[in-house]
């Protein structure tokens, strides 16, 4: 079977690398700004390689943050959520 390319685009992006620590966890993040995701950011949790396309509303949604980044502890997810809401 030949693959069907759905899109193939190249653009300049900006990536911010940031390490944060709270009372319950440390997170190393890459936050990529691109026009490709309609105003959302591509956030990658470097420790696990998990990535999600996130806006302010998504970042404030604790169950979404826990699922997207595979964070099982609610306190850790809250720290990540608070940082993302303040920094996206």
Protein backbone atom coordinates (compact mmCIF):
# COMPACT_ATOMS: atom_id res chain seq x y z
CA UNK A 1 0.00 0.00 0.00
CA UNK A 2 1.32 3.43 -0.91
CA UNK A 3 0.90 6.07 1.82
CA UNK A 4 -1.30 9.05 1.03
CA UNK A 5 0.21 12.31 2.20
CA UNK A 6 -2.49 14.44 3.79
CA UNK A 7 -0.30 17.50 4.21
CA UNK A 8 3.34 18.45 3.94
CA UNK A 9 4.14 21.94 5.19
CA UNK A 10 7.25 23.70 6.43
CA UNK A 11 7.14 26.79 8.63
CA UNK A 12 9.25 28.71 11.09
CA UNK A 13 8.25 28.01 14.69
CA UNK A 14 9.31 29.24 18.08
CA UNK A 15 10.04 26.77 20.85
CA UNK A 16 10.44 27.68 24.50
CA UNK A 17 12.21 25.16 26.70
CA UNK A 18 11.38 25.49 30.36
CA UNK A 19 11.97 23.40 33.46
CA UNK A 20 9.68 23.91 36.43
CA UNK A 21 9.45 22.38 39.85
CA UNK A 22 6.69 22.58 42.39
CA UNK A 23 5.96 20.99 45.72
CA UNK A 24 5.06 17.66 44.09
CA UNK A 25 6.82 17.31 40.73
CA UNK A 26 9.35 18.54 38.22
CA UNK A 27 8.44 19.09 34.58
CA UNK A 28 10.73 19.78 31.63
CA UNK A 29 8.67 21.21 28.79
CA UNK A 30 9.05 22.28 25.19
CA UNK A 31 6.30 24.74 24.21
CA UNK A 32 6.14 25.25 20.45
CA UNK A 33 4.25 28.13 18.89
CA UNK A 34 3.10 27.49 15.34
CA UNK A 35 0.36 28.69 13.00
CA UNK A 36 -0.45 25.08 12.19
CA UNK A 37 -2.69 24.46 15.21
CA UNK A 38 -4.96 27.50 14.98
CA UNK A 39 -3.61 29.39 17.98
CA UNK A 40 -2.95 26.39 20.20
CA UNK A 41 0.55 25.45 21.35
CA UNK A 42 2.26 22.11 20.96
CA UNK A 43 3.39 21.22 24.48
CA UNK A 44 5.79 18.32 24.92
CA UNK A 45 6.67 16.85 28.30
CA UNK A 46 10.31 16.03 27.67
CA UNK A 47 10.62 13.37 30.40
CA UNK A 48 8.02 11.14 28.77
CA UNK A 49 7.80 12.42 25.21
CA UNK A 50 4.05 12.94 25.63
CA UNK A 51 2.78 15.88 23.60
CA UNK A 52 -0.55 17.65 23.32
CA UNK A 53 -1.99 20.56 21.40
CA UNK A 54 -3.12 22.94 24.13
CA UNK A 55 -4.78 26.33 24.60
CA UNK A 56 -5.67 28.17 27.82
CA UNK A 57 -8.98 26.34 28.20
CA UNK A 58 -7.34 22.93 27.75
CA UNK A 59 -4.61 23.83 30.23
CA UNK A 60 -7.22 24.71 32.87
CA UNK A 61 -9.01 21.37 32.38
CA UNK A 62 -7.35 19.13 34.96
CA UNK A 63 -8.68 15.79 33.60
CA UNK A 64 -7.41 16.78 30.14
CA UNK A 65 -3.95 17.65 31.49
CA UNK A 66 -3.78 14.36 33.40
CA UNK A 67 -4.75 12.31 30.35
CA UNK A 68 -2.73 14.23 27.76
CA UNK A 69 0.51 14.12 29.73
CA UNK A 70 -0.12 10.84 31.58
CA UNK A 71 0.15 12.51 34.99
CA UNK A 72 -1.53 10.27 37.56
CA UNK A 73 -1.17 12.41 40.67
CA UNK A 74 -3.77 15.19 40.84
CA UNK A 75 -1.45 17.50 42.80
CA UNK A 76 1.26 17.15 40.14
CA UNK A 77 -1.27 17.78 37.38
CA UNK A 78 -2.52 20.87 39.21
CA UNK A 79 1.01 22.30 39.30
CA UNK A 80 1.46 21.64 35.57
CA UNK A 81 -1.96 23.07 34.79
CA UNK A 82 -1.31 26.26 36.74
CA UNK A 83 1.99 26.81 34.93
CA UNK A 84 0.45 26.23 31.50
CA UNK A 85 -2.50 28.56 32.17
CA UNK A 86 -0.09 31.33 33.18
CA UNK A 87 2.39 30.74 30.35
CA UNK A 88 0.61 29.78 27.12
